[in-house]
Structure formats: C-alpha cells, structure tokens
Amino acid sequence: MSHLTVLRSYAQKRNPAKLPPSLLFSHTDTTITIFDCYPKALFHFLVLPRPSPTLSVFDLASLRTLLRGDKQRARDVLLLLRAEGARVRTSIEEEMRARYGFAWPVWTGFHAVPSLEHVHLHVISADLCAPALKNKKHYNSFHPKLGYFLHLDTVLEWFDAEPSYYDSMSQLKKSRYEPLVKEDLVCFHCARVMHNMPTLKAHLQEEWDTLRAKATSARTKRKLENEATTADAPPPKKVAVDVRASEGET
C-alpha cells in the first residue's frame, strides 16, 4: 500500500472498528475520524468521508476532485464533514478543559494542495505546539490567515457565490497555492516575523503558555468572586412550622 493512499484505505474499511484504537477516534456510516499520525498541534484529527454506491473513491480523491464533480453532491459531502467536525471539536474542547482547565479555538479546514489522497478535513487546535511541526511547509500549511489552509466555512461560501467565482476557486491550482508555504514564518498570534523554526516554535510555546496563564488567572478570579458572593449572602430565612399541623392535629 502506497503511503499516498493510506487515507483511502482507512476510508474503505468495511468495519472501521477493527482499526487500532491508537488510530481510530470514531466512525459513522458515512465518516471515519482518525488521530493524525503526525499531529501538528496538541489536538489534531482527520475526518474522512466514506465511499458509497453513489460516491466512489475516485470522486473523493481530493477536495479539487470533489468540487469539480457534481456541485450539489460536493456540498452535501462538505456539510456532512462539517457536522462530524463539529462533534469532534466538542470532544476536543471537553478534553481541553479536563486536561488544561480551559478551551481555546479549534480550526477545521483543508490543505489547498494535500499531500495524501482522499478528501480529509483537518480538525486541529489553534496552538501549533507539537513535535511533528518541524519545518516551514508544516507551519505555513496550517497558518490560519496565509491562504493555504482553507477553512471549511470559507469553502462552503464558494457555493453561494457567482458560478464563475466558484469555478475559479474550485480549480485549486497548485501554481496559486504552492508558493504560499514558502512565505516567511509569521506568528499567527502577533504577526511577528521569525527567522527560523526553532525560534518560531519557542515563540508559539510562549504564546500558548501566556494564553493558559491568562485562562488560569481568570478562572481563579471567578472562583474567588463566587466564594465572596456566597460568603456575603444573607442567611436563609427560617420558616415557622406549625407542629400541630405536621402531627395531624386540627
């Protein structure tokens, strides 16, 4: 099996439950969600549409292939991925709160020029703090404002635009997008330009640590305010009870 088609092989599994738990996160009749084997953030999942009698692996070879096919079918697949992606995002947020005490944004989208075959929606936490984030292409391919990472809602907006605009955007030409991953390393938090990946990664960690510290401080402040409010609250009023009535006396 070629590395390029590994996602296709997962999507074609008749019984996804047989996939190892280190890979499979969840599945439905129409989608499979897996852990990204090389996560580029603290939380990183891929949602794959499963082939069906009306939707072949060739229709799902890439986002471009999907968009250049039947337009309504393409929209239906994207809405399906959005719904499943939202469920995954909810699970991520719950785990964020359980593990770190707060939740931060989660991005859902596609690479304009994917490195693996078969449509796959990235559901990834907005920190980009992970060991597998190693080079400029890795980082710029997920930068939320650079344009190579296509946010799902943005792609869905193409369907409501003028047909000529949809036709233009759905081409997903490599000549348009591939130069973007070679752009300077710019922090997506503060827009500072970084000279190399080690500097960028250290800076991203600092940004996330600051975000976590602020969330922890805000949580502590709310807790103290709640405790103070409870302490200042007047004691509950005592209610007189007619003992005769409670004993059945008339």
C-alpha atoms as a PDB file:
ATOM      1  CA  MET A   1       0.000   0.000   0.000  1.00  0.00           C
ATOM      2  CA  SER A   2       1.387   3.390  -1.016  1.00  0.00           C
ATOM      3  CA  HIS A   3       1.794   5.993   1.708  1.00  0.00           C
ATOM      4  CA  LEU A   4      -0.081   8.418  -0.537  1.00  0.00           C
ATOM      5  CA  THR A   5      -3.210   6.256  -0.492  1.00  0.00           C
ATOM      6  CA  VAL A   6      -3.197   5.250   3.170  1.00  0.00           C
ATOM      7  CA  LEU A   7      -6.175   7.505   3.986  1.00  0.00           C
ATOM      8  CA  ARG A   8      -8.159   5.927   1.184  1.00  0.00           C
ATOM      9  CA  SER A   9      -7.520   2.503   2.653  1.00  0.00           C
ATOM     10  CA  TYR A  10      -8.860   3.659   6.032  1.00  0.00           C
ATOM     11  CA  ALA A  11     -11.973   5.158   4.441  1.00  0.00           C
ATOM     12  CA  GLN A  12     -12.660   1.903   2.589  1.00  0.00           C
ATOM     13  CA  LYS A  13     -12.658  -0.254   5.715  1.00  0.00           C
ATOM     14  CA  ARG A  14     -15.906  -2.203   5.910  1.00  0.00           C
ATOM     15  CA  ASN A  15     -15.538  -2.457   9.657  1.00  0.00           C
ATOM     16  CA  PRO A  16     -13.626   0.596  10.929  1.00  0.00           C
ATOM     17  CA  ALA A  17     -13.873  -0.698  14.497  1.00  0.00           C
ATOM     18  CA  LYS A  18     -11.085  -3.139  13.607  1.00  0.00           C
ATOM     19  CA  LEU A  19      -8.653  -0.249  13.192  1.00  0.00           C
ATOM     20  CA  PRO A  20      -6.293   0.115  16.175  1.00  0.00           C
ATOM     21  CA  PRO A  21      -7.525   2.431  18.953  1.00  0.00           C
ATOM     22  CA  SER A  22      -4.324   4.439  18.572  1.00  0.00           C
ATOM     23  CA  LEU A  23      -5.607   5.421  15.113  1.00  0.00           C
ATOM     24  CA  LEU A  24      -9.416   5.332  15.211  1.00  0.00           C
ATOM     25  CA  PHE A  25     -11.216   8.058  17.123  1.00  0.00           C
ATOM     26  CA  SER A  26     -14.786   7.467  15.923  1.00  0.00           C
ATOM     27  CA  HIS A  27     -16.828   6.414  12.915  1.00  0.00           C
ATOM     28  CA  THR A  28     -20.324   6.614  11.478  1.00  0.00           C
ATOM     29  CA  ASP A  29     -21.960   5.090   8.430  1.00  0.00           C
ATOM     30  CA  THR A  30     -20.620   7.963   6.337  1.00  0.00           C
ATOM     31  CA  THR A  31     -17.396   9.130   8.012  1.00  0.00           C
ATOM     32  CA  ILE A  32     -14.284   7.922   9.802  1.00  0.00           C
ATOM     33  CA  THR A  33     -12.347  10.152  12.186  1.00  0.00           C
ATOM     34  CA  ILE A  34      -8.750   9.273  12.962  1.00  0.00           C
ATOM     35  CA  PHE A  35      -5.924  10.705  15.018  1.00  0.00           C
ATOM     36  CA  ASP A  36      -3.382  12.397  12.780  1.00  0.00           C
ATOM     37  CA  CYS A  37      -0.304  10.174  12.938  1.00  0.00           C
ATOM     38  CA  TYR A  38       1.956  13.243  12.869  1.00  0.00           C
ATOM     39  CA  PRO A  39      -0.056  15.853  14.801  1.00  0.00           C
ATOM     40  CA  LYS A  40       0.916  19.455  14.221  1.00  0.00           C
ATOM     41  CA  ALA A  41      -0.858  20.701  17.364  1.00  0.00           C
ATOM     42  CA  LEU A  42      -1.884  19.450  20.790  1.00  0.00           C
ATOM     43  CA  PHE A  43      -5.099  18.111  19.226  1.00  0.00           C
ATOM     44  CA  HIS A  44      -5.188  17.057  15.576  1.00  0.00           C
ATOM     45  CA  PHE A  45      -7.734  14.799  13.883  1.00  0.00           C
ATOM     46  CA  LEU A  46      -8.715  13.941  10.310  1.00  0.00           C
ATOM     47  CA  VAL A  47     -12.335  13.382   9.271  1.00  0.00           C
ATOM     48  CA  LEU A  48     -12.687  11.227   6.141  1.00  0.00           C
ATOM     49  CA  PRO A  49     -15.853  10.684   4.085  1.00  0.00           C
ATOM     50  CA  ARG A  50     -16.520   7.017   3.401  1.00  0.00           C
ATOM     51  CA  PRO A  51     -17.216   5.818  -0.153  1.00  0.00           C
ATOM     52  CA  SER A  52     -20.730   4.703  -1.016  1.00  0.00           C
ATOM     53  CA  PRO A  53     -22.575   3.318  -4.057  1.00  0.00           C
ATOM     54  CA  THR A  54     -23.090   6.896  -5.252  1.00  0.00           C
ATOM     55  CA  LEU A  55     -19.726   8.255  -4.090  1.00  0.00           C
ATOM     56  CA  SER A  56     -16.638   6.401  -5.268  1.00  0.00           C
ATOM     57  CA  VAL A  57     -13.064   6.701  -4.076  1.00  0.00           C
ATOM     58  CA  PHE A  58     -12.347   8.478  -7.354  1.00  0.00           C
ATOM     59  CA  ASP A  59     -14.963  11.136  -6.535  1.00  0.00           C
ATOM     60  CA  LEU A  60     -13.239  11.549  -3.161  1.00  0.00           C
ATOM     61  CA  ALA A  61      -9.649  11.509  -4.413  1.00  0.00           C
ATOM     62  CA  SER A  62      -9.111  15.119  -3.330  1.00  0.00           C
ATOM     63  CA  LEU A  63     -11.004  18.269  -2.451  1.00  0.00           C
ATOM     64  CA  ARG A  64     -10.422  19.508  -6.004  1.00  0.00           C
ATOM     65  CA  THR A  65     -11.838  16.305  -7.487  1.00  0.00           C
ATOM     66  CA  LEU A  66     -14.873  16.563  -5.233  1.00  0.00           C
ATOM     67  CA  LEU A  67     -15.520  20.220  -6.104  1.00  0.00           C
ATOM     68  CA  ARG A  68     -15.076  19.673  -9.838  1.00  0.00           C
ATOM     69  CA  GLY A  69     -17.708  16.916  -9.802  1.00  0.00           C
ATOM     70  CA  ASP A  70     -21.412  17.265  -9.111  1.00  0.00           C
ATOM     71  CA  LYS A  71     -21.830  20.527  -7.225  1.00  0.00           C
ATOM     72  CA  GLN A  72     -24.740  19.504  -5.014  1.00  0.00           C
ATOM     73  CA  ARG A  73     -23.071  16.232  -4.114  1.00  0.00           C
ATOM     74  CA  ALA A  74     -19.886  18.103  -3.211  1.00  0.00           C
ATOM     75  CA  ARG A  75     -21.816  20.448  -0.960  1.00  0.00           C
ATOM     76  CA  ASP A  76     -23.567  17.534   0.734  1.00  0.00           C
ATOM     77  CA  VAL A  77     -20.216  15.894   1.490  1.00  0.00           C
ATOM     78  CA  LEU A  78     -18.819  19.122   2.947  1.00  0.00           C
ATOM     79  CA  LEU A  79     -21.893  19.603   5.134  1.00  0.00           C
ATOM     80  CA  LEU A  80     -21.502  16.029   6.315  1.00  0.00           C
ATOM     81  CA  LEU A  81     -17.870  16.721   7.205  1.00  0.00           C
ATOM     82  CA  ARG A  82     -18.839  19.949   8.951  1.00  0.00           C
ATOM     83  CA  ALA A  83     -21.366  18.150  11.144  1.00  0.00           C
ATOM     84  CA  GLU A  84     -18.891  15.444  12.113  1.00  0.00           C
ATOM     85  CA  GLY A  85     -16.128  18.009  12.545  1.00  0.00           C
ATOM     86  CA  ALA A  86     -18.334  19.928  14.974  1.00  0.00           C
ATOM     87  CA  ARG A  87     -18.797  16.794  17.077  1.00  0.00           C
ATOM     88  CA  VAL A  88     -15.053  16.210  17.096  1.00  0.00           C
ATOM     89  CA  ARG A  89     -14.477  19.839  18.080  1.00  0.00           C
ATOM     90  CA  THR A  90     -16.860  19.435  21.031  1.00  0.00           C
ATOM     91  CA  SER A  91     -14.923  16.363  22.180  1.00  0.00           C
ATOM     92  CA  ILE A  92     -11.658  18.276  21.836  1.00  0.00           C
ATOM     93  CA  GLU A  93     -12.991  21.167  23.903  1.00  0.00           C
ATOM     94  CA  GLU A  94     -14.130  18.797  26.633  1.00  0.00           C
ATOM     95  CA  GLU A  95     -10.684  17.216  26.737  1.00  0.00           C
ATOM     96  CA  MET A  96      -9.045  20.656  26.740  1.00  0.00           C
ATOM     97  CA  ARG A  97     -10.995  21.629  29.852  1.00  0.00           C
ATOM     98  CA  ALA A  98     -10.320  18.307  31.549  1.00  0.00           C
ATOM     99  CA  ARG A  99      -6.601  18.334  30.788  1.00  0.00           C
ATOM    100  CA  TYR A 100      -5.685  22.019  30.804  1.00  0.00           C
ATOM    101  CA  GLY A 101      -8.583  23.728  32.575  1.00  0.00           C
ATOM    102  CA  PHE A 102      -9.709  25.841  29.618  1.00  0.00           C
ATOM    103  CA  ALA A 103     -10.622  25.604  25.934  1.00  0.00           C
ATOM    104  CA  TRP A 104      -9.077  27.539  23.075  1.00  0.00           C
ATOM    105  CA  PRO A 105     -10.077  27.766  19.375  1.00  0.00           C
ATOM    106  CA  VAL A 106     -10.166  24.785  17.038  1.00  0.00           C
ATOM    107  CA  TRP A 107      -9.751  25.152  13.276  1.00  0.00           C
ATOM    108  CA  THR A 108     -11.487  22.985  10.676  1.00  0.00           C
ATOM    109  CA  GLY A 109     -10.319  23.038   7.094  1.00  0.00           C
ATOM    110  CA  PHE A 110      -8.396  21.550   4.199  1.00  0.00           C
ATOM    111  CA  HIS A 111      -4.988  21.932   2.623  1.00  0.00           C
ATOM    112  CA  ALA A 112      -5.368  23.501  -0.798  1.00  0.00           C
ATOM    113  CA  VAL A 113      -2.779  21.057  -2.170  1.00  0.00           C
ATOM    114  CA  PRO A 114      -2.924  17.961   0.052  1.00  0.00           C
ATOM    115  CA  SER A 115      -0.011  15.579   0.390  1.00  0.00           C
ATOM    116  CA  LEU A 116      -2.235  12.480   0.723  1.00  0.00           C
ATOM    117  CA  GLU A 117      -5.024  11.171  -1.482  1.00  0.00           C
ATOM    118  CA  HIS A 118      -8.643  11.094  -0.319  1.00  0.00           C
ATOM    119  CA  VAL A 119     -10.547  14.108   0.981  1.00  0.00           C
ATOM    120  CA  HIS A 120      -9.739  14.767   4.628  1.00  0.00           C
ATOM    121  CA  LEU A 121     -10.875  17.532   6.923  1.00  0.00           C
ATOM    122  CA  HIS A 122      -8.321  18.690   9.479  1.00  0.00           C
ATOM    123  CA  VAL A 123      -9.729  19.413  12.931  1.00  0.00           C
ATOM    124  CA  ILE A 124      -6.808  20.994  14.738  1.00  0.00           C
ATOM    125  CA  SER A 125      -6.337  23.059  17.874  1.00  0.00           C
ATOM    126  CA  ALA A 126      -5.129  26.627  17.376  1.00  0.00           C
ATOM    127  CA  ASP A 127      -1.755  26.333  19.076  1.00  0.00           C
ATOM    128  CA  LEU A 128       0.514  24.515  16.597  1.00  0.00           C
ATOM    129  CA  CYS A 129       2.618  23.319  19.528  1.00  0.00           C
ATOM    130  CA  ALA A 130       3.656  19.777  18.646  1.00  0.00           C
ATOM    131  CA  PRO A 131       6.950  17.963  17.966  1.00  0.00           C
ATOM    132  CA  ALA A 132       5.832  16.918  14.463  1.00  0.00           C
ATOM    133  CA  LEU A 133       5.662  20.583  13.389  1.00  0.00           C
ATOM    134  CA  LYS A 134       9.209  20.617  12.029  1.00  0.00           C
ATOM    135  CA  ASN A 135       9.576  22.859   9.003  1.00  0.00           C
ATOM    136  CA  LYS A 136       8.279  25.920   7.185  1.00  0.00           C
ATOM    137  CA  LYS A 137       5.881  23.943   4.993  1.00  0.00           C
ATOM    138  CA  HIS A 138       4.319  22.284   8.027  1.00  0.00           C
ATOM    139  CA  TYR A 139       3.710  25.621   9.695  1.00  0.00           C
ATOM    140  CA  ASN A 140       2.590  27.668   6.699  1.00  0.00           C
ATOM    141  CA  SER A 141       0.235  24.919   5.557  1.00  0.00           C
ATOM    142  CA  PHE A 142      -1.773  25.481   8.758  1.00  0.00           C
ATOM    143  CA  HIS A 143      -1.341  29.235   9.175  1.00  0.00           C
ATOM    144  CA  PRO A 144      -4.958  30.408   9.510  1.00  0.00           C
ATOM    145  CA  LYS A 145      -4.512  33.621   7.504  1.00  0.00           C
ATOM    146  CA  LEU A 146      -1.995  32.712   4.813  1.00  0.00           C
ATOM    147  CA  GLY A 147      -4.492  31.070   2.461  1.00  0.00           C
ATOM    148  CA  TYR A 148      -3.074  27.585   2.014  1.00  0.00           C
ATOM    149  CA  PHE A 149      -5.261  26.290   4.841  1.00  0.00           C
ATOM    150  CA  LEU A 150      -8.810  26.571   3.519  1.00  0.00           C
ATOM    151  CA  HIS A 151     -11.275  26.987   6.363  1.00  0.00           C
ATOM    152  CA  LEU A 152     -14.314  24.781   5.801  1.00  0.00           C
ATOM    153  CA  ASP A 153     -16.834  27.604   6.155  1.00  0.00           C
ATOM    154  CA  THR A 154     -14.897  29.605   3.562  1.00  0.00           C
ATOM    155  CA  VAL A 155     -15.089  26.726   1.078  1.00  0.00           C
ATOM    156  CA  LEU A 156     -18.822  26.397   1.720  1.00  0.00           C
ATOM    157  CA  GLU A 157     -19.241  30.106   0.942  1.00  0.00           C
ATOM    158  CA  TRP A 158     -17.968  29.447  -2.593  1.00  0.00           C
ATOM    159  CA  PHE A 159     -21.185  27.576  -3.353  1.00  0.00           C
ATOM    160  CA  ASP A 160     -23.266  30.714  -2.730  1.00  0.00           C
ATOM    161  CA  ALA A 161     -21.025  32.975  -4.803  1.00  0.00           C
ATOM    162  CA  GLU A 162     -21.265  33.685  -8.516  1.00  0.00           C
ATOM    163  CA  PRO A 163     -20.789  30.500 -10.577  1.00  0.00           C
ATOM    164  CA  SER A 164     -17.706  31.997 -12.215  1.00  0.00           C
ATOM    165  CA  TYR A 165     -16.131  32.555  -8.785  1.00  0.00           C
ATOM    166  CA  TYR A 166     -16.925  29.004  -7.728  1.00  0.00           C
ATOM    167  CA  ASP A 167     -15.422  27.673 -10.945  1.00  0.00           C
ATOM    168  CA  SER A 168     -12.274  29.716 -10.383  1.00  0.00           C
ATOM    169  CA  MET A 169     -11.780  28.820  -6.719  1.00  0.00           C
ATOM    170  CA  SER A 170     -12.616  25.136  -7.122  1.00  0.00           C
ATOM    171  CA  GLN A 171      -9.725  24.677  -9.551  1.00  0.00           C
ATOM    172  CA  LEU A 172      -7.333  24.798  -6.570  1.00  0.00           C
ATOM    173  CA  LYS A 173      -4.393  25.340  -8.887  1.00  0.00           C
ATOM    174  CA  LYS A 174      -1.025  24.342  -7.466  1.00  0.00           C
ATOM    175  CA  SER A 175       0.588  27.397  -9.070  1.00  0.00           C
ATOM    176  CA  ARG A 176      -1.595  29.601  -6.894  1.00  0.00           C
ATOM    177  CA  TYR A 177      -1.143  27.835  -3.569  1.00  0.00           C
ATOM    178  CA  GLU A 178       2.238  26.124  -3.513  1.00  0.00           C
ATOM    179  CA  PRO A 179       4.219  29.409  -3.275  1.00  0.00           C
ATOM    180  CA  LEU A 180       2.339  30.218  -0.035  1.00  0.00           C
ATOM    181  CA  VAL A 181       4.126  27.559   2.005  1.00  0.00           C
ATOM    182  CA  LYS A 182       7.427  29.251   1.128  1.00  0.00           C
ATOM    183  CA  GLU A 183       6.393  32.566   2.676  1.00  0.00           C
ATOM    184  CA  ASP A 184       8.146  33.981   5.737  1.00  0.00           C
ATOM    185  CA  LEU A 185       7.467  32.444   9.131  1.00  0.00           C
ATOM    186  CA  VAL A 186       4.946  34.807  10.707  1.00  0.00           C
ATOM    187  CA  CYS A 187       3.353  34.185  14.098  1.00  0.00           C
ATOM    188  CA  PHE A 188      -0.390  33.747  13.662  1.00  0.00           C
ATOM    189  CA  HIS A 189      -0.926  35.296  17.106  1.00  0.00           C
ATOM    190  CA  CYS A 190       1.011  38.565  16.852  1.00  0.00           C
ATOM    191  CA  ALA A 191       2.219  38.724  13.204  1.00  0.00           C
ATOM    192  CA  ARG A 192       5.899  38.878  14.231  1.00  0.00           C
ATOM    193  CA  VAL A 193       8.323  37.518  11.636  1.00  0.00           C
ATOM    194  CA  MET A 194      10.536  34.703  12.899  1.00  0.00           C
ATOM    195  CA  HIS A 195      13.925  33.886  11.411  1.00  0.00           C
ATOM    196  CA  ASN A 196      13.807  30.107  11.743  1.00  0.00           C
ATOM    197  CA  MET A 197      11.703  27.209  13.013  1.00  0.00           C
ATOM    198  CA  PRO A 198      13.343  26.815  16.435  1.00  0.00           C
ATOM    199  CA  THR A 199      12.689  30.483  17.162  1.00  0.00           C
ATOM    200  CA  LEU A 200       9.119  30.209  15.912  1.00  0.00           C
ATOM    201  CA  LYS A 201       8.387  27.063  17.912  1.00  0.00           C
ATOM    202  CA  ALA A 202       9.744  28.605  21.105  1.00  0.00           C
ATOM    203  CA  HIS A 203       7.637  31.697  20.468  1.00  0.00           C
ATOM    204  CA  LEU A 204       4.468  29.662  19.802  1.00  0.00           C
ATOM    205  CA  GLN A 205       5.010  27.812  23.066  1.00  0.00           C
ATOM    206  CA  GLU A 206       5.371  31.139  24.888  1.00  0.00           C
ATOM    207  CA  GLU A 207       2.163  32.393  23.278  1.00  0.00           C
ATOM    208  CA  TRP A 208       0.287  29.285  24.381  1.00  0.00           C
ATOM    209  CA  ASP A 209       1.760  29.397  27.877  1.00  0.00           C
ATOM    210  CA  THR A 210       0.604  33.012  28.165  1.00  0.00           C
ATOM    211  CA  LEU A 211      -2.865  32.061  26.952  1.00  0.00           C
ATOM    212  CA  ARG A 212      -3.047  29.265  29.513  1.00  0.00           C
ATOM    213  CA  ALA A 213      -1.824  31.538  32.318  1.00  0.00           C
ATOM    214  CA  LYS A 214      -4.489  34.130  31.485  1.00  0.00           C
ATOM    215  CA  ALA A 215      -7.195  31.463  31.439  1.00  0.00           C
ATOM    216  CA  THR A 216      -5.990  30.085  34.783  1.00  0.00           C
ATOM    217  CA  SER A 217      -5.924  33.575  36.294  1.00  0.00           C
ATOM    218  CA  ALA A 218      -9.438  34.341  35.035  1.00  0.00           C
ATOM    219  CA  ARG A 219     -10.724  31.027  36.394  1.00  0.00           C
ATOM    220  CA  THR A 220      -9.161  31.707  39.793  1.00  0.00           C
ATOM    221  CA  LYS A 221     -10.649  35.203  39.838  1.00  0.00           C
ATOM    222  CA  ARG A 222     -14.139  33.873  39.071  1.00  0.00           C
ATOM    223  CA  LYS A 223     -13.789  31.280  41.817  1.00  0.00           C
ATOM    224  CA  LEU A 224     -12.796  33.911  44.394  1.00  0.00           C
ATOM    225  CA  GLU A 225     -15.640  36.189  43.309  1.00  0.00           C
ATOM    226  CA  ASN A 226     -18.130  33.329  43.635  1.00  0.00           C
ATOM    227  CA  GLU A 227     -16.815  32.458  47.083  1.00  0.00           C
ATOM    228  CA  ALA A 228     -17.045  36.096  48.165  1.00  0.00           C
ATOM    229  CA  THR A 229     -20.594  36.364  46.857  1.00  0.00           C
ATOM    230  CA  THR A 230     -21.577  33.229  48.749  1.00  0.00           C
ATOM    231  CA  ALA A 231     -19.947  34.499  51.965  1.00  0.00           C
ATOM    232  CA  ASP A 232     -21.712  37.880  51.722  1.00  0.00           C
ATOM    233  CA  ALA A 233     -25.113  36.380  51.015  1.00  0.00           C
ATOM    234  CA  PRO A 234     -27.644  36.769  53.889  1.00  0.00           C
ATOM    235  CA  PRO A 235     -28.529  33.571  55.733  1.00  0.00           C
ATOM    236  CA  PRO A 236     -31.721  31.867  54.571  1.00  0.00           C
ATOM    237  CA  LYS A 237     -34.847  32.922  56.363  1.00  0.00           C
ATOM    238  CA  LYS A 238     -36.230  30.468  58.868  1.00  0.00           C
ATOM    239  CA  VAL A 239     -39.724  29.302  58.120  1.00  0.00           C
ATOM    240  CA  ALA A 240     -42.018  28.744  61.085  1.00  0.00           C
ATOM    241  CA  VAL A 241     -43.562  25.295  61.078  1.00  0.00           C
ATOM    242  CA  ASP A 242     -46.919  24.569  62.689  1.00  0.00           C
ATOM    243  CA  VAL A 243     -46.040  21.434  64.624  1.00  0.00           C
ATOM    244  CA  ARG A 244     -49.702  20.629  65.254  1.00  0.00           C
ATOM    245  CA  ALA A 245     -50.407  20.556  61.549  1.00  0.00           C
ATOM    246  CA  SER A 246     -47.357  18.372  60.921  1.00  0.00           C
ATOM    247  CA  GLU A 247     -48.641  15.916  63.558  1.00  0.00           C
ATOM    248  CA  GLY A 248     -52.080  15.872  62.079  1.00  0.00           C
ATOM    249  CA  GLU A 249     -53.692  17.974  64.865  1.00  0.00           C
ATOM    250  CA  THR A 250     -56.716  20.027  63.853  1.00  0.00           C
END
